[in-house]
PDB file of N, CA and C in Angstrom:
ATOM      1  N   MET A   1      13.280 118.747 -30.354  1.00  0.00           N
ATOM      2  CA  MET A   1      11.703 119.763 -30.859  1.00  0.00           C
ATOM      3  C   MET A   1      12.287 120.899 -31.473  1.00  0.00           C
ATOM      4  N   THR A   2      11.380 120.692 -32.498  1.00  0.00           N
ATOM      5  CA  THR A   2      11.595 122.159 -33.656  1.00  0.00           C
ATOM      6  C   THR A   2       9.990 123.143 -33.665  1.00  0.00           C
ATOM      7  N   LYS A   3      10.557 124.648 -33.269  1.00  0.00           N
ATOM      8  CA  LYS A   3       9.113 125.230 -33.618  1.00  0.00           C
ATOM      9  C   LYS A   3       9.036 125.378 -34.835  1.00  0.00           C
ATOM     10  N   ASP A   4       7.594 125.373 -35.147  1.00  0.00           N
ATOM     11  CA  ASP A   4       7.389 125.678 -36.420  1.00  0.00           C
ATOM     12  C   ASP A   4       6.722 127.087 -36.329  1.00  0.00           C
ATOM     13  N   THR A   5       7.320 127.725 -36.920  1.00  0.00           N
ATOM     14  CA  THR A   5       6.895 129.431 -37.314  1.00  0.00           C
ATOM     15  C   THR A   5       6.348 129.409 -38.321  1.00  0.00           C
ATOM     16  N   THR A   6       5.884 128.878 -39.403  1.00  0.00           N
ATOM     17  CA  THR A   6       5.673 129.123 -40.464  1.00  0.00           C
ATOM     18  C   THR A   6       4.002 129.637 -40.128  1.00  0.00           C
ATOM     19  N   THR A   7       3.131 128.969 -39.521  1.00  0.00           N
ATOM     20  CA  THR A   7       1.789 129.289 -39.077  1.00  0.00           C
ATOM     21  C   THR A   7       1.780 130.510 -38.292  1.00  0.00           C
ATOM     22  N   LYS A   8       2.660 130.828 -37.306  1.00  0.00           N
ATOM     23  CA  LYS A   8       2.497 131.798 -36.258  1.00  0.00           C
ATOM     24  C   LYS A   8       2.501 133.292 -37.076  1.00  0.00           C
ATOM     25  N   ARG A   9       1.871 134.561 -36.274  1.00  0.00           N
ATOM     26  CA  ARG A   9       1.302 135.193 -36.783  1.00  0.00           C
ATOM     27  C   ARG A   9       2.476 136.095 -35.931  1.00  0.00           C
ATOM     28  N   ARG A  10       2.544 137.469 -37.276  1.00  0.00           N
ATOM     29  CA  ARG A  10       3.304 138.408 -36.675  1.00  0.00           C
ATOM     30  C   ARG A  10       2.797 139.518 -35.460  1.00  0.00           C
ATOM     31  N   PRO A  11       3.560 139.482 -34.146  1.00  0.00           N
ATOM     32  CA  PRO A  11       2.442 140.364 -33.354  1.00  0.00           C
ATOM     33  C   PRO A  11       2.368 142.005 -34.011  1.00  0.00           C
ATOM     34  N   HIS A  12       1.529 142.380 -33.771  1.00  0.00           N
ATOM     35  CA  HIS A  12       0.792 143.643 -34.181  1.00  0.00           C
ATOM     36  C   HIS A  12       1.979 144.824 -34.359  1.00  0.00           C
ATOM     37  N   ALA A  13       2.624 144.811 -33.608  1.00  0.00           N
ATOM     38  CA  ALA A  13       4.177 145.910 -33.160  1.00  0.00           C
ATOM     39  C   ALA A  13       4.788 145.822 -34.167  1.00  0.00           C
ATOM     40  N   ASP A  14       5.459 144.426 -35.148  1.00  0.00           N
ATOM     41  CA  ASP A  14       5.926 144.473 -36.342  1.00  0.00           C
ATOM     42  C   ASP A  14       5.747 144.953 -37.494  1.00  0.00           C
ATOM     43  N   PHE A  15       4.381 145.144 -37.580  1.00  0.00           N
ATOM     44  CA  PHE A  15       4.152 145.214 -38.923  1.00  0.00           C
ATOM     45  C   PHE A  15       4.581 147.180 -39.240  1.00  0.00           C
ATOM     46  N   SER A  16       5.244 147.054 -40.036  1.00  0.00           N
ATOM     47  CA  SER A  16       5.720 148.646 -40.357  1.00  0.00           C
ATOM     48  C   SER A  16       5.407 149.459 -41.434  1.00  0.00           C
ATOM     49  N   ARG A  17       5.642 150.630 -41.588  1.00  0.00           N
ATOM     50  CA  ARG A  17       4.828 151.448 -42.160  1.00  0.00           C
ATOM     51  C   ARG A  17       5.016 151.118 -44.032  1.00  0.00           C
ATOM     52  N   ASP A  18       6.246 150.462 -44.045  1.00  0.00           N
ATOM     53  CA  ASP A  18       6.213 149.809 -45.801  1.00  0.00           C
ATOM     54  C   ASP A  18       5.633 148.545 -45.590  1.00  0.00           C
ATOM     55  N   HIS A  19       4.846 147.812 -44.810  1.00  0.00           N
ATOM     56  CA  HIS A  19       4.231 146.484 -44.695  1.00  0.00           C
ATOM     57  C   HIS A  19       2.547 147.322 -44.699  1.00  0.00           C
ATOM     58  N   MET A  20       2.186 148.954 -44.013  1.00  0.00           N
ATOM     59  CA  MET A  20       0.991 149.293 -44.169  1.00  0.00           C
ATOM     60  C   MET A  20       0.845 149.663 -45.849  1.00  0.00           C
ATOM     61  N   MET A  21       1.897 150.165 -46.297  1.00  0.00           N
ATOM     62  CA  MET A  21       1.857 150.496 -47.923  1.00  0.00           C
ATOM     63  C   MET A  21       1.704 149.703 -49.215  1.00  0.00           C
ATOM     64  N   ASP A  22       2.298 148.634 -48.607  1.00  0.00           N
ATOM     65  CA  ASP A  22       1.968 147.461 -49.490  1.00  0.00           C
ATOM     66  C   ASP A  22       0.737 146.943 -49.324  1.00  0.00           C
ATOM     67  N   VAL A  23      -0.276 146.919 -48.053  1.00  0.00           N
ATOM     68  CA  VAL A  23      -1.135 146.392 -48.046  1.00  0.00           C
ATOM     69  C   VAL A  23      -2.032 147.631 -48.448  1.00  0.00           C
ATOM     70  N   ALA A  24      -1.579 148.490 -48.402  1.00  0.00           N
ATOM     71  CA  ALA A  24      -2.705 149.859 -49.171  1.00  0.00           C
ATOM     72  C   ALA A  24      -2.869 149.538 -50.571  1.00  0.00           C
ATOM     73  N   LYS A  25      -1.463 149.040 -51.464  1.00  0.00           N
ATOM     74  CA  LYS A  25      -0.957 148.928 -52.620  1.00  0.00           C
ATOM     75  C   LYS A  25      -1.770 148.045 -52.942  1.00  0.00           C
ATOM     76  N   ASP A  26      -2.088 147.082 -52.251  1.00  0.00           N
ATOM     77  CA  ASP A  26      -2.766 145.352 -52.444  1.00  0.00           C
ATOM     78  C   ASP A  26      -4.416 146.174 -52.751  1.00  0.00           C
ATOM     79  N   LEU A  27      -4.813 146.720 -52.080  1.00  0.00           N
ATOM     80  CA  LEU A  27      -6.296 147.545 -52.022  1.00  0.00           C
ATOM     81  C   LEU A  27      -6.395 148.372 -53.286  1.00  0.00           C
ATOM     82  N   LYS A  28      -5.309 149.010 -53.595  1.00  0.00           N
ATOM     83  CA  LYS A  28      -5.270 150.053 -54.780  1.00  0.00           C
ATOM     84  C   LYS A  28      -5.755 151.334 -54.162  1.00  0.00           C
ATOM     85  N   VAL A  29      -5.121 151.566 -53.103  1.00  0.00           N
ATOM     86  CA  VAL A  29      -5.528 152.999 -52.080  1.00  0.00           C
ATOM     87  C   VAL A  29      -4.905 153.804 -52.734  1.00  0.00           C
ATOM     88  N   THR A  30      -5.545 154.780 -53.329  1.00  0.00           N
ATOM     89  CA  THR A  30      -4.908 156.330 -54.001  1.00  0.00           C
ATOM     90  C   THR A  30      -4.963 156.980 -52.802  1.00  0.00           C
ATOM     91  N   CYS A  31      -3.291 157.549 -52.506  1.00  0.00           N
ATOM     92  CA  CYS A  31      -2.655 158.292 -51.617  1.00  0.00           C
ATOM     93  C   CYS A  31      -2.327 159.914 -51.980  1.00  0.00           C
ATOM     94  N   SER A  32      -2.901 160.844 -51.417  1.00  0.00           N
ATOM     95  CA  SER A  32      -2.374 162.190 -51.649  1.00  0.00           C
ATOM     96  C   SER A  32      -1.670 162.768 -50.810  1.00  0.00           C
ATOM     97  N   HIS A  33      -0.045 162.205 -50.586  1.00  0.00           N
ATOM     98  CA  HIS A  33       0.490 162.831 -49.918  1.00  0.00           C
ATOM     99  C   HIS A  33       1.236 164.137 -49.641  1.00  0.00           C
ATOM    100  N   ASP A  34       0.825 164.524 -50.908  1.00  0.00           N
ATOM    101  CA  ASP A  34       1.449 166.058 -51.323  1.00  0.00           C
ATOM    102  C   ASP A  34       0.554 167.230 -51.493  1.00  0.00           C
ATOM    103  N   ILE A  35      -0.909 166.700 -50.331  1.00  0.00           N
ATOM    104  CA  ILE A  35      -1.456 167.700 -49.565  1.00  0.00           C
ATOM    105  C   ILE A  35      -0.861 168.541 -48.142  1.00  0.00           C
ATOM    106  N   PRO A  36      -1.068 169.506 -48.208  1.00  0.00           N
ATOM    107  CA  PRO A  36       0.124 169.749 -46.654  1.00  0.00           C
ATOM    108  C   PRO A  36      -1.123 169.672 -45.479  1.00  0.00           C
ATOM    109  N   TYR A  37      -0.295 169.502 -44.358  1.00  0.00           N
ATOM    110  CA  TYR A  37      -1.336 168.950 -43.934  1.00  0.00           C
ATOM    111  C   TYR A  37      -1.837 170.237 -42.636  1.00  0.00           C
ATOM    112  N   HIS A  38      -0.945 171.375 -42.775  1.00  0.00           N
ATOM    113  CA  HIS A  38      -0.882 172.653 -41.959  1.00  0.00           C
ATOM    114  C   HIS A  38      -1.244 173.948 -42.724  1.00  0.00           C
ATOM    115  N   SER A  39      -2.338 174.136 -44.038  1.00  0.00           N
ATOM    116  CA  SER A  39      -1.655 174.565 -45.224  1.00  0.00           C
ATOM    117  C   SER A  39      -2.872 175.889 -44.393  1.00  0.00           C
ATOM    118  N   ASP A  40      -3.565 175.176 -43.644  1.00  0.00           N
ATOM    119  CA  ASP A  40      -5.001 176.320 -43.598  1.00  0.00           C
ATOM    120  C   ASP A  40      -4.662 177.392 -42.149  1.00  0.00           C
ATOM    121  N   GLN A  41      -3.245 176.751 -41.801  1.00  0.00           N
ATOM    122  CA  GLN A  41      -3.231 177.644 -40.484  1.00  0.00           C
ATOM    123  C   GLN A  41      -2.057 178.908 -40.432  1.00  0.00           C
ATOM    124  N   THR A  42      -2.355 179.756 -39.919  1.00  0.00           N
ATOM    125  CA  THR A  42      -1.648 180.816 -39.989  1.00  0.00           C
ATOM    126  C   THR A  42      -0.670 181.435 -38.504  1.00  0.00           C
ATOM    127  N   PRO A  43      -0.025 182.626 -38.142  1.00  0.00           N
ATOM    128  CA  PRO A  43       0.648 182.111 -36.966  1.00  0.00           C
ATOM    129  C   PRO A  43       0.038 182.619 -35.893  1.00  0.00           C
ATOM    130  N   ALA A  44      -1.287 183.756 -36.473  1.00  0.00           N
ATOM    131  CA  ALA A  44      -2.334 183.803 -35.743  1.00  0.00           C
ATOM    132  C   ALA A  44      -3.216 183.049 -35.075  1.00  0.00           C
ATOM    133  N   THR A  45      -3.257 182.029 -35.885  1.00  0.00           N
ATOM    134  CA  THR A  45      -4.805 181.137 -35.599  1.00  0.00           C
ATOM    135  C   THR A  45      -3.716 180.030 -34.605  1.00  0.00           C
ATOM    136  N   PRO A  46      -4.456 179.626 -33.266  1.00  0.00           N
ATOM    137  CA  PRO A  46      -4.411 178.531 -32.545  1.00  0.00           C
ATOM    138  C   PRO A  46      -3.814 177.382 -33.394  1.00  0.00           C
ATOM    139  N   LYS A  47      -3.156 176.317 -33.224  1.00  0.00           N
ATOM    140  CA  LYS A  47      -2.502 175.058 -33.835  1.00  0.00           C
ATOM    141  C   LYS A  47      -3.834 174.347 -33.620  1.00  0.00           C
ATOM    142  N   ILE A  48      -4.068 173.808 -34.770  1.00  0.00           N
ATOM    143  CA  ILE A  48      -5.009 172.446 -34.629  1.00  0.00           C
ATOM    144  C   ILE A  48      -4.123 171.067 -34.754  1.00  0.00           C
ATOM    145  N   GLU A  49      -4.238 170.127 -34.025  1.00  0.00           N
ATOM    146  CA  GLU A  49      -3.788 169.096 -34.402  1.00  0.00           C
ATOM    147  C   GLU A  49      -4.343 167.962 -35.274  1.00  0.00           C
ATOM    148  N   ARG A  50      -3.540 167.549 -36.213  1.00  0.00           N
ATOM    149  CA  ARG A  50      -3.888 167.000 -37.680  1.00  0.00           C
ATOM    150  C   ARG A  50      -3.877 165.757 -37.468  1.00  0.00           C
ATOM    151  N   ILE A  51      -4.481 164.707 -37.904  1.00  0.00           N
ATOM    152  CA  ILE A  51      -3.832 163.098 -38.227  1.00  0.00           C
ATOM    153  C   ILE A  51      -2.510 163.292 -38.791  1.00  0.00           C
ATOM    154  N   ASN A  52      -1.675 162.207 -38.038  1.00  0.00           N
ATOM    155  CA  ASN A  52      -0.528 162.103 -38.538  1.00  0.00           C
ATOM    156  C   ASN A  52      -0.308 161.119 -39.841  1.00  0.00           C
ATOM    157  N   GLU A  53       1.195 161.116 -40.226  1.00  0.00           N
ATOM    158  CA  GLU A  53       1.255 159.900 -41.549  1.00  0.00           C
ATOM    159  C   GLU A  53       0.304 158.778 -41.401  1.00  0.00           C
ATOM    160  N   ARG A  54       1.036 158.098 -40.507  1.00  0.00           N
ATOM    161  CA  ARG A  54       0.334 156.509 -40.279  1.00  0.00           C
ATOM    162  C   ARG A  54      -1.228 156.427 -40.174  1.00  0.00           C
ATOM    163  N   GLU A  55      -2.306 157.832 -39.255  1.00  0.00           N
ATOM    164  CA  GLU A  55      -3.452 157.879 -39.477  1.00  0.00           C
ATOM    165  C   GLU A  55      -3.845 157.724 -40.634  1.00  0.00           C
ATOM    166  N   LEU A  56      -3.270 158.839 -41.322  1.00  0.00           N
ATOM    167  CA  LEU A  56      -3.477 158.991 -42.481  1.00  0.00           C
ATOM    168  C   LEU A  56      -3.534 157.999 -44.065  1.00  0.00           C
ATOM    169  N   THR A  57      -2.710 156.746 -43.703  1.00  0.00           N
ATOM    170  CA  THR A  57      -2.429 155.842 -44.234  1.00  0.00           C
ATOM    171  C   THR A  57      -3.446 154.573 -43.846  1.00  0.00           C
ATOM    172  N   SER A  58      -3.865 154.782 -42.514  1.00  0.00           N
ATOM    173  CA  SER A  58      -4.759 153.793 -42.086  1.00  0.00           C
ATOM    174  C   SER A  58      -6.283 154.464 -42.486  1.00  0.00           C
ATOM    175  N   ILE A  59      -6.204 155.641 -42.771  1.00  0.00           N
ATOM    176  CA  ILE A  59      -7.753 156.361 -43.195  1.00  0.00           C
ATOM    177  C   ILE A  59      -8.010 155.782 -44.753  1.00  0.00           C
ATOM    178  N   TYR A  60      -6.942 155.937 -45.414  1.00  0.00           N
ATOM    179  CA  TYR A  60      -6.840 155.694 -46.781  1.00  0.00           C
ATOM    180  C   TYR A  60      -7.208 154.208 -46.860  1.00  0.00           C
ATOM    181  N   ALA A  61      -6.577 152.943 -46.697  1.00  0.00           N
ATOM    182  CA  ALA A  61      -6.868 151.609 -46.311  1.00  0.00           C
ATOM    183  C   ALA A  61      -8.169 151.358 -46.002  1.00  0.00           C
ATOM    184  N   LEU A  62      -8.709 152.184 -44.963  1.00  0.00           N
ATOM    185  CA  LEU A  62     -10.026 151.649 -44.717  1.00  0.00           C
ATOM    186  C   LEU A  62     -10.961 152.304 -45.638  1.00  0.00           C
ATOM    187  N   LEU A  63     -10.688 153.290 -46.206  1.00  0.00           N
ATOM    188  CA  LEU A  63     -11.461 153.861 -47.267  1.00  0.00           C
ATOM    189  C   LEU A  63     -11.520 153.006 -48.539  1.00  0.00           C
ATOM    190  N   ALA A  64     -10.626 152.389 -48.963  1.00  0.00           N
ATOM    191  CA  ALA A  64     -10.537 151.197 -49.765  1.00  0.00           C
ATOM    192  C   ALA A  64     -11.426 150.242 -49.819  1.00  0.00           C
ATOM    193  N   TYR A  65     -11.251 149.838 -48.570  1.00  0.00           N
ATOM    194  CA  TYR A  65     -11.570 148.513 -48.051  1.00  0.00           C
ATOM    195  C   TYR A  65     -13.045 148.990 -47.996  1.00  0.00           C
ATOM    196  N   VAL A  66     -13.957 150.147 -47.416  1.00  0.00           N
ATOM    197  CA  VAL A  66     -14.910 150.122 -47.404  1.00  0.00           C
ATOM    198  C   VAL A  66     -15.852 149.956 -49.077  1.00  0.00           C
ATOM    199  N   ALA A  67     -15.069 150.967 -49.769  1.00  0.00           N
ATOM    200  CA  ALA A  67     -15.251 150.801 -51.271  1.00  0.00           C
ATOM    201  C   ALA A  67     -15.154 149.958 -51.824  1.00  0.00           C
ATOM    202  N   TYR A  68     -14.317 149.034 -51.772  1.00  0.00           N
ATOM    203  CA  TYR A  68     -14.161 147.806 -52.545  1.00  0.00           C
ATOM    204  C   TYR A  68     -15.491 146.997 -51.530  1.00  0.00           C
ATOM    205  N   ASN A  69     -15.830 146.679 -50.428  1.00  0.00           N
ATOM    206  CA  ASN A  69     -16.835 145.575 -50.211  1.00  0.00           C
ATOM    207  C   ASN A  69     -17.753 146.121 -50.476  1.00  0.00           C
ATOM    208  N   GLN A  70     -18.471 147.618 -50.288  1.00  0.00           N
ATOM    209  CA  GLN A  70     -19.585 148.205 -50.565  1.00  0.00           C
ATOM    210  C   GLN A  70     -19.920 148.284 -52.179  1.00  0.00           C
ATOM    211  N   ASN A  71     -18.468 148.099 -53.109  1.00  0.00           N
ATOM    212  CA  ASN A  71     -18.970 148.115 -54.985  1.00  0.00           C
ATOM    213  C   ASN A  71     -19.289 149.876 -55.011  1.00  0.00           C
ATOM    214  N   VAL A  72     -18.565 150.365 -54.626  1.00  0.00           N
ATOM    215  CA  VAL A  72     -18.573 152.169 -54.834  1.00  0.00           C
ATOM    216  C   VAL A  72     -17.438 152.806 -54.856  1.00  0.00           C
ATOM    217  N   ARG A  73     -17.098 154.107 -55.555  1.00  0.00           N
ATOM    218  CA  ARG A  73     -15.775 154.310 -55.776  1.00  0.00           C
ATOM    219  C   ARG A  73     -14.883 154.687 -54.552  1.00  0.00           C
ATOM    220  N   GLN A  74     -13.666 154.923 -54.281  1.00  0.00           N
ATOM    221  CA  GLN A  74     -13.064 155.382 -53.242  1.00  0.00           C
ATOM    222  C   GLN A  74     -13.404 156.831 -52.735  1.00  0.00           C
ATOM    223  N   ASP A  75     -13.002 157.479 -54.320  1.00  0.00           N
ATOM    224  CA  ASP A  75     -13.219 158.808 -54.336  1.00  0.00           C
ATOM    225  C   ASP A  75     -14.530 159.585 -53.446  1.00  0.00           C
ATOM    226  N   THR A  76     -16.434 158.419 -53.982  1.00  0.00           N
ATOM    227  CA  THR A  76     -17.192 158.960 -53.409  1.00  0.00           C
ATOM    228  C   THR A  76     -17.156 158.977 -52.096  1.00  0.00           C
ATOM    229  N   VAL A  77     -16.608 157.455 -51.435  1.00  0.00           N
ATOM    230  CA  VAL A  77     -16.439 157.422 -49.692  1.00  0.00           C
ATOM    231  C   VAL A  77     -15.643 158.518 -49.437  1.00  0.00           C
ATOM    232  N   GLN A  78     -14.504 158.761 -50.100  1.00  0.00           N
ATOM    233  CA  GLN A  78     -13.855 159.819 -49.269  1.00  0.00           C
ATOM    234  C   GLN A  78     -14.329 161.227 -49.502  1.00  0.00           C
ATOM    235  N   MET A  79     -15.307 161.381 -50.344  1.00  0.00           N
ATOM    236  CA  MET A  79     -16.290 162.985 -50.144  1.00  0.00           C
ATOM    237  C   MET A  79     -17.300 162.618 -49.180  1.00  0.00           C
ATOM    238  N   ILE A  80     -17.844 161.638 -48.426  1.00  0.00           N
ATOM    239  CA  ILE A  80     -18.361 161.504 -47.687  1.00  0.00           C
ATOM    240  C   ILE A  80     -18.124 161.544 -46.379  1.00  0.00           C
ATOM    241  N   VAL A  81     -16.691 161.048 -46.130  1.00  0.00           N
ATOM    242  CA  VAL A  81     -16.093 161.220 -45.059  1.00  0.00           C
ATOM    243  C   VAL A  81     -15.818 162.723 -44.887  1.00  0.00           C
ATOM    244  N   GLU A  82     -15.273 163.321 -45.995  1.00  0.00           N
ATOM    245  CA  GLU A  82     -14.795 164.916 -45.520  1.00  0.00           C
ATOM    246  C   GLU A  82     -15.832 165.677 -45.399  1.00  0.00           C
ATOM    247  N   ALA A  83     -17.540 165.502 -45.999  1.00  0.00           N
ATOM    248  CA  ALA A  83     -18.687 166.232 -45.482  1.00  0.00           C
ATOM    249  C   ALA A  83     -18.831 166.195 -43.978  1.00  0.00           C
ATOM    250  N   GLU A  84     -18.930 165.174 -43.535  1.00  0.00           N
ATOM    251  CA  GLU A  84     -19.343 164.481 -42.606  1.00  0.00           C
ATOM    252  C   GLU A  84     -18.370 165.193 -40.924  1.00  0.00           C
ATOM    253  N   PHE A  85     -16.951 165.488 -41.849  1.00  0.00           N
ATOM    254  CA  PHE A  85     -16.015 166.054 -40.786  1.00  0.00           C
ATOM    255  C   PHE A  85     -16.189 167.569 -41.173  1.00  0.00           C
ATOM    256  N   GLY A  86     -16.253 168.098 -42.292  1.00  0.00           N
ATOM    257  CA  GLY A  86     -16.087 169.424 -42.431  1.00  0.00           C
ATOM    258  C   GLY A  86     -14.502 169.520 -43.185  1.00  0.00           C
ATOM    259  N   VAL A  87     -13.867 168.615 -43.525  1.00  0.00           N
ATOM    260  CA  VAL A  87     -12.615 169.338 -44.177  1.00  0.00           C
ATOM    261  C   VAL A  87     -12.716 169.176 -45.741  1.00  0.00           C
ATOM    262  N   ASP A  88     -11.690 170.243 -45.918  1.00  0.00           N
ATOM    263  CA  ASP A  88     -11.963 169.508 -47.515  1.00  0.00           C
ATOM    264  C   ASP A  88     -11.136 168.577 -48.537  1.00  0.00           C
ATOM    265  N   HIS A  89     -10.008 168.516 -47.541  1.00  0.00           N
ATOM    266  CA  HIS A  89      -9.437 167.192 -47.927  1.00  0.00           C
ATOM    267  C   HIS A  89      -9.127 165.992 -46.502  1.00  0.00           C
ATOM    268  N   ILE A  90      -8.978 164.913 -46.598  1.00  0.00           N
ATOM    269  CA  ILE A  90      -8.921 163.996 -45.570  1.00  0.00           C
ATOM    270  C   ILE A  90      -7.253 164.172 -44.893  1.00  0.00           C
ATOM    271  N   ALA A  91      -6.819 164.698 -45.460  1.00  0.00           N
ATOM    272  CA  ALA A  91      -5.361 164.927 -44.990  1.00  0.00           C
ATOM    273  C   ALA A  91      -5.550 166.184 -43.446  1.00  0.00           C
ATOM    274  N   LYS A  92      -6.418 166.764 -43.828  1.00  0.00           N
ATOM    275  CA  LYS A  92      -6.795 167.572 -43.283  1.00  0.00           C
ATOM    276  C   LYS A  92      -7.700 167.537 -41.322  1.00  0.00           C
ATOM    277  N   LEU A  93      -7.831 166.159 -41.687  1.00  0.00           N
ATOM    278  CA  LEU A  93      -9.031 165.478 -40.530  1.00  0.00           C
ATOM    279  C   LEU A  93      -8.081 166.344 -39.010  1.00  0.00           C
ATOM    280  N   ARG A  94      -9.271 166.372 -37.980  1.00  0.00           N
ATOM    281  CA  ARG A  94      -8.322 166.744 -36.260  1.00  0.00           C
ATOM    282  C   ARG A  94      -7.600 165.660 -35.761  1.00  0.00           C
ATOM    283  N   ARG A  95      -6.948 165.435 -35.201  1.00  0.00           N
ATOM    284  CA  ARG A  95      -6.657 164.361 -34.478  1.00  0.00           C
ATOM    285  C   ARG A  95      -7.485 164.070 -33.948  1.00  0.00           C
ATOM    286  N   ASN A  96      -8.670 164.819 -32.854  1.00  0.00           N
ATOM    287  CA  ASN A  96      -9.427 164.078 -32.506  1.00  0.00           C
ATOM    288  C   ASN A  96     -10.758 163.487 -32.892  1.00  0.00           C
ATOM    289  N   ASP A  97     -10.794 163.825 -34.091  1.00  0.00           N
ATOM    290  CA  ASP A  97     -11.859 163.270 -35.105  1.00  0.00           C
ATOM    291  C   ASP A  97     -10.993 161.558 -35.584  1.00  0.00           C
ATOM    292  N   TYR A  98     -10.081 161.651 -35.602  1.00  0.00           N
ATOM    293  CA  TYR A  98      -9.728 159.989 -35.918  1.00  0.00           C
ATOM    294  C   TYR A  98     -10.239 159.261 -35.751  1.00  0.00           C
ATOM    295  N   MET A  99     -10.660 158.756 -34.361  1.00  0.00           N
ATOM    296  CA  MET A  99     -11.171 157.562 -33.708  1.00  0.00           C
ATOM    297  C   MET A  99     -12.510 157.390 -34.550  1.00  0.00           C
ATOM    298  N   ARG A 100     -13.177 158.782 -34.013  1.00  0.00           N
ATOM    299  CA  ARG A 100     -14.575 158.857 -34.890  1.00  0.00           C
ATOM    300  C   ARG A 100     -14.796 158.855 -36.374  1.00  0.00           C
ATOM    301  N   ALA A 101     -13.811 158.985 -37.055  1.00  0.00           N
ATOM    302  CA  ALA A 101     -13.902 158.810 -38.421  1.00  0.00           C
ATOM    303  C   ALA A 101     -13.854 157.232 -38.717  1.00  0.00           C
ATOM    304  N   ILE A 102     -12.759 156.722 -38.011  1.00  0.00           N
ATOM    305  CA  ILE A 102     -12.735 154.946 -38.477  1.00  0.00           C
ATOM    306  C   ILE A 102     -13.907 154.499 -38.020  1.00  0.00           C
ATOM    307  N   GLU A 103     -14.559 155.021 -37.006  1.00  0.00           N
ATOM    308  CA  GLU A 103     -16.082 154.114 -36.935  1.00  0.00           C
ATOM    309  C   GLU A 103     -17.130 154.410 -37.751  1.00  0.00           C
ATOM    310  N   PHE A 104     -17.053 156.090 -37.763  1.00  0.00           N
ATOM    311  CA  PHE A 104     -18.030 156.317 -38.859  1.00  0.00           C
ATOM    312  C   PHE A 104     -17.785 155.262 -39.748  1.00  0.00           C
ATOM    313  N   LEU A 105     -16.643 154.958 -40.406  1.00  0.00           N
ATOM    314  CA  LEU A 105     -16.011 154.052 -41.923  1.00  0.00           C
ATOM    315  C   LEU A 105     -16.673 153.014 -41.665  1.00  0.00           C
ATOM    316  N   VAL A 106     -16.060 152.391 -40.434  1.00  0.00           N
ATOM    317  CA  VAL A 106     -16.679 151.089 -40.242  1.00  0.00           C
ATOM    318  C   VAL A 106     -17.941 150.580 -40.338  1.00  0.00           C
ATOM    319  N   ASP A 107     -19.240 151.595 -39.586  1.00  0.00           N
ATOM    320  CA  ASP A 107     -20.205 151.182 -39.637  1.00  0.00           C
ATOM    321  C   ASP A 107     -21.132 152.119 -40.885  1.00  0.00           C
ATOM    322  N   MET A 108     -20.367 152.566 -41.666  1.00  0.00           N
ATOM    323  CA  MET A 108     -21.053 153.517 -43.254  1.00  0.00           C
ATOM    324  C   MET A 108     -21.518 152.343 -43.737  1.00  0.00           C
ATOM    325  N   LYS A 109     -23.035 152.415 -44.328  1.00  0.00           N
ATOM    326  CA  LYS A 109     -23.554 151.628 -45.202  1.00  0.00           C
ATOM    327  C   LYS A 109     -24.113 152.623 -46.354  1.00  0.00           C
ATOM    328  N   MET A 110     -23.291 152.498 -47.268  1.00  0.00           N
ATOM    329  CA  MET A 110     -23.715 153.282 -48.597  1.00  0.00           C
ATOM    330  C   MET A 110     -25.027 153.292 -48.956  1.00  0.00           C
ATOM    331  N   GLU A 111     -25.657 151.666 -48.890  1.00  0.00           N
ATOM    332  CA  GLU A 111     -27.109 152.107 -49.823  1.00  0.00           C
ATOM    333  C   GLU A 111     -28.164 152.955 -48.380  1.00  0.00           C
ATOM    334  N   GLU A 112     -27.863 152.487 -47.506  1.00  0.00           N
ATOM    335  CA  GLU A 112     -28.688 153.679 -46.382  1.00  0.00           C
ATOM    336  C   GLU A 112     -28.276 155.259 -46.895  1.00  0.00           C
ATOM    337  N   ILE A 113     -27.278 155.700 -47.327  1.00  0.00           N
ATOM    338  CA  ILE A 113     -26.539 156.950 -47.355  1.00  0.00           C
ATOM    339  C   ILE A 113     -27.446 157.495 -48.751  1.00  0.00           C
ATOM    340  N   ILE A 114     -27.184 156.687 -50.015  1.00  0.00           N
ATOM    341  CA  ILE A 114     -27.293 156.815 -50.993  1.00  0.00           C
ATOM    342  C   ILE A 114     -28.684 156.395 -51.071  1.00  0.00           C
ATOM    343  N   ASN A 115     -29.652 155.757 -50.877  1.00  0.00           N
ATOM    344  CA  ASN A 115     -31.534 155.772 -50.810  1.00  0.00           C
ATOM    345  C   ASN A 115     -31.552 156.807 -49.839  1.00  0.00           C
TER     346      ASN A 115
END
């Protein structure tokens, strides 16, 4: 008896960063990884934990998904998220705000925001 592995889904743990970047490319996600994560910190200020690269990639993928589904530009959605969380760039989101940002994007209805 042979197992048919063609219809078997890969477990979530098998998704690598390369796979997520491929998904982001398919969704035409624009990533600005050249933005420094901790540029606003000086030695005198307490360290604020920022989102890591995987979380940033997830946010960019979700930005692209929301923009595509609601027929708006990705940079418009990004600006709304940045304004909501008080950051000048999405890469500067605080780690504590990551899940709230995901929930905000999932619940976002551009028609209600624009009108």
